[in-house]
Structures are given as structure tokens and as C-alpha cells.
Amino acid sequence: MASHDIIARLTAEMAAAAEAQDFERAAALRNEIAVRRQAAGGDAADADFAGLKRQQPGAMGIGSERPKRDAPEGWKPPKKPDPMTTGRSRRR
């Protein structure tokens, strides 16, 4: 079956799912269509659909994909200064 035939069939299924108000199925079909169109240069039957997933809450935003650094072994954060005495001198 040609790639455009598969995409046409999936588009019809997506429209039917949307008409039946099964929006989750329609969204899944939309994602599959997008991957197949992107893979049109190669073999669309071998396209990997596993990469299409939603971002997890809390993992969104710029730089969130970067790993966090671990503190060196034995390192302790410095003691916080006392806000009542910081910058105050008894001498004036």
C-alpha cells in the first residue's frame, strides 16, 4: 500500500473519530499522520511512533532537559547569614 493511501485512510479515520467526539483517538491518528508525512522520504511503514508522547508536567520550559549538577562529595552549603545582624555595625 502506498504511503499516500495510508495517510488518506488515517485522515478518514481521524475525521470519523473527531465526528464521534473521540478526541484522544483523533489526536493519536493526527500524530501518526504527522510522523508518516515526515518519514515520506524513507519507508513510512518503518517509521517509529514510540517517540510521540506528551511532555510530563514539571519537565517543561527552557533548559528543563539539561541534567542537574550533583554537589561534590562532602560539600555542605554555607551557613546563611543572620538577617538581623548583616551589614550592621555597633560603631557609627
C-alpha atoms as a PDB file:
ATOM      1  CA  MET A   1       0.000   0.000   0.000  1.00  0.00           C
ATOM      2  CA  ALA A   2       1.402   3.398  -0.971  1.00  0.00           C
ATOM      3  CA  SER A   3       2.217   5.989   1.656  1.00  0.00           C
ATOM      4  CA  HIS A   4      -0.417   8.440   0.405  1.00  0.00           C
ATOM      5  CA  ASP A   5      -3.077   5.687   0.586  1.00  0.00           C
ATOM      6  CA  ILE A   6      -2.196   5.015   4.220  1.00  0.00           C
ATOM      7  CA  ILE A   7      -2.279   8.734   5.025  1.00  0.00           C
ATOM      8  CA  ALA A   8      -5.656   9.110   3.279  1.00  0.00           C
ATOM      9  CA  ARG A   9      -7.061   6.153   5.263  1.00  0.00           C
ATOM     10  CA  LEU A  10      -5.702   7.560   8.535  1.00  0.00           C
ATOM     11  CA  THR A  11      -7.120  11.005   7.724  1.00  0.00           C
ATOM     12  CA  ALA A  12     -10.558   9.469   7.170  1.00  0.00           C
ATOM     13  CA  GLU A  13     -10.269   7.554  10.464  1.00  0.00           C
ATOM     14  CA  MET A  14      -9.216  10.768  12.221  1.00  0.00           C
ATOM     15  CA  ALA A  15     -12.230  12.644  10.831  1.00  0.00           C
ATOM     16  CA  ALA A  16     -14.552   9.812  11.904  1.00  0.00           C
ATOM     17  CA  ALA A  17     -13.054   9.787  15.413  1.00  0.00           C
ATOM     18  CA  ALA A  18     -13.462  13.559  15.699  1.00  0.00           C
ATOM     19  CA  GLU A  19     -17.058  13.289  14.462  1.00  0.00           C
ATOM     20  CA  ALA A  20     -17.701  10.680  17.179  1.00  0.00           C
ATOM     21  CA  GLN A  21     -16.045  13.043  19.693  1.00  0.00           C
ATOM     22  CA  ASP A  22     -13.270  10.533  20.426  1.00  0.00           C
ATOM     23  CA  PHE A  23     -10.651  13.258  20.556  1.00  0.00           C
ATOM     24  CA  GLU A  24      -7.916  11.126  22.099  1.00  0.00           C
ATOM     25  CA  ARG A  25      -8.095   8.679  19.182  1.00  0.00           C
ATOM     26  CA  ALA A  26      -8.229  11.583  16.715  1.00  0.00           C
ATOM     27  CA  ALA A  27      -5.118  13.140  18.290  1.00  0.00           C
ATOM     28  CA  ALA A  28      -3.261   9.820  18.157  1.00  0.00           C
ATOM     29  CA  LEU A  29      -4.149   9.468  14.475  1.00  0.00           C
ATOM     30  CA  ARG A  30      -3.067  13.068  13.824  1.00  0.00           C
ATOM     31  CA  ASN A  31       0.319  12.315  15.389  1.00  0.00           C
ATOM     32  CA  GLU A  32       0.698   9.145  13.337  1.00  0.00           C
ATOM     33  CA  ILE A  33      -0.140  11.070  10.153  1.00  0.00           C
ATOM     34  CA  ALA A  34       2.481  13.689  11.024  1.00  0.00           C
ATOM     35  CA  VAL A  35       5.149  11.023  11.515  1.00  0.00           C
ATOM     36  CA  ARG A  36       4.245   9.280   8.272  1.00  0.00           C
ATOM     37  CA  ARG A  37       4.403  12.562   6.358  1.00  0.00           C
ATOM     38  CA  GLN A  38       7.783  13.316   7.906  1.00  0.00           C
ATOM     39  CA  ALA A  39       9.030   9.833   7.042  1.00  0.00           C
ATOM     40  CA  ALA A  40       7.831  10.135   3.442  1.00  0.00           C
ATOM     41  CA  GLY A  41      11.446  10.394   2.272  1.00  0.00           C
ATOM     42  CA  GLY A  42      12.171   6.962   3.746  1.00  0.00           C
ATOM     43  CA  ASP A  43       9.955   3.948   4.250  1.00  0.00           C
ATOM     44  CA  ALA A  44       6.858   5.193   6.095  1.00  0.00           C
ATOM     45  CA  ALA A  45       5.957   1.636   7.167  1.00  0.00           C
ATOM     46  CA  ASP A  46       9.153   1.523   9.262  1.00  0.00           C
ATOM     47  CA  ALA A  47       8.542   4.871  10.986  1.00  0.00           C
ATOM     48  CA  ASP A  48       8.907   4.871  14.758  1.00  0.00           C
ATOM     49  CA  PHE A  49       5.785   6.132  16.544  1.00  0.00           C
ATOM     50  CA  ALA A  50       7.102   5.498  20.038  1.00  0.00           C
ATOM     51  CA  GLY A  51       8.775   8.933  20.170  1.00  0.00           C
ATOM     52  CA  LEU A  52       5.462  10.757  20.127  1.00  0.00           C
ATOM     53  CA  LYS A  53       4.464  11.362  23.704  1.00  0.00           C
ATOM     54  CA  ARG A  54       3.371  14.304  25.774  1.00  0.00           C
ATOM     55  CA  GLN A  55       5.780  16.161  27.969  1.00  0.00           C
ATOM     56  CA  GLN A  56       5.434  15.338  31.618  1.00  0.00           C
ATOM     57  CA  PRO A  57       4.299  18.159  33.906  1.00  0.00           C
ATOM     58  CA  GLY A  58       7.221  19.726  35.669  1.00  0.00           C
ATOM     59  CA  ALA A  59       9.543  18.931  32.786  1.00  0.00           C
ATOM     60  CA  MET A  60       8.513  21.845  30.607  1.00  0.00           C
ATOM     61  CA  GLY A  61      10.317  25.055  29.879  1.00  0.00           C
ATOM     62  CA  ILE A  62      13.606  26.243  28.525  1.00  0.00           C
ATOM     63  CA  GLY A  63      16.562  24.271  29.822  1.00  0.00           C
ATOM     64  CA  SER A  64      14.489  21.634  31.601  1.00  0.00           C
ATOM     65  CA  GLU A  65      16.084  18.866  29.534  1.00  0.00           C
ATOM     66  CA  ARG A  66      19.503  19.663  30.995  1.00  0.00           C
ATOM     67  CA  PRO A  67      20.630  17.428  33.840  1.00  0.00           C
ATOM     68  CA  LYS A  68      21.129  18.987  37.244  1.00  0.00           C
ATOM     69  CA  ARG A  69      24.599  19.015  38.737  1.00  0.00           C
ATOM     70  CA  ASP A  70      25.371  16.979  41.809  1.00  0.00           C
ATOM     71  CA  ALA A  71      27.277  18.617  44.639  1.00  0.00           C
ATOM     72  CA  PRO A  72      30.804  17.309  45.225  1.00  0.00           C
ATOM     73  CA  GLU A  73      31.074  14.608  47.850  1.00  0.00           C
ATOM     74  CA  GLY A  74      31.365  16.059  51.342  1.00  0.00           C
ATOM     75  CA  TRP A  75      30.253  19.564  50.307  1.00  0.00           C
ATOM     76  CA  LYS A  76      27.907  21.404  52.650  1.00  0.00           C
ATOM     77  CA  PRO A  77      26.109  24.621  51.775  1.00  0.00           C
ATOM     78  CA  PRO A  78      27.457  27.689  53.589  1.00  0.00           C
ATOM     79  CA  LYS A  79      25.675  28.937  56.695  1.00  0.00           C
ATOM     80  CA  LYS A  80      23.080  31.586  55.930  1.00  0.00           C
ATOM     81  CA  PRO A  81      23.805  34.980  57.454  1.00  0.00           C
ATOM     82  CA  ASP A  82      21.562  36.283  60.214  1.00  0.00           C
ATOM     83  CA  PRO A  83      19.309  38.915  58.571  1.00  0.00           C
ATOM     84  CA  MET A  84      19.129  40.933  61.806  1.00  0.00           C
ATOM     85  CA  THR A  85      22.879  41.494  62.047  1.00  0.00           C
ATOM     86  CA  THR A  86      24.051  41.544  58.439  1.00  0.00           C
ATOM     87  CA  GLY A  87      25.624  44.846  57.488  1.00  0.00           C
ATOM     88  CA  ARG A  88      25.101  46.408  60.908  1.00  0.00           C
ATOM     89  CA  SER A  89      27.920  47.714  62.985  1.00  0.00           C
ATOM     90  CA  ARG A  90      27.849  48.933  66.588  1.00  0.00           C
ATOM     91  CA  ARG A  91      30.177  51.739  65.609  1.00  0.00           C
ATOM     92  CA  ARG A  92      28.704  54.707  63.859  1.00  0.00           C
END
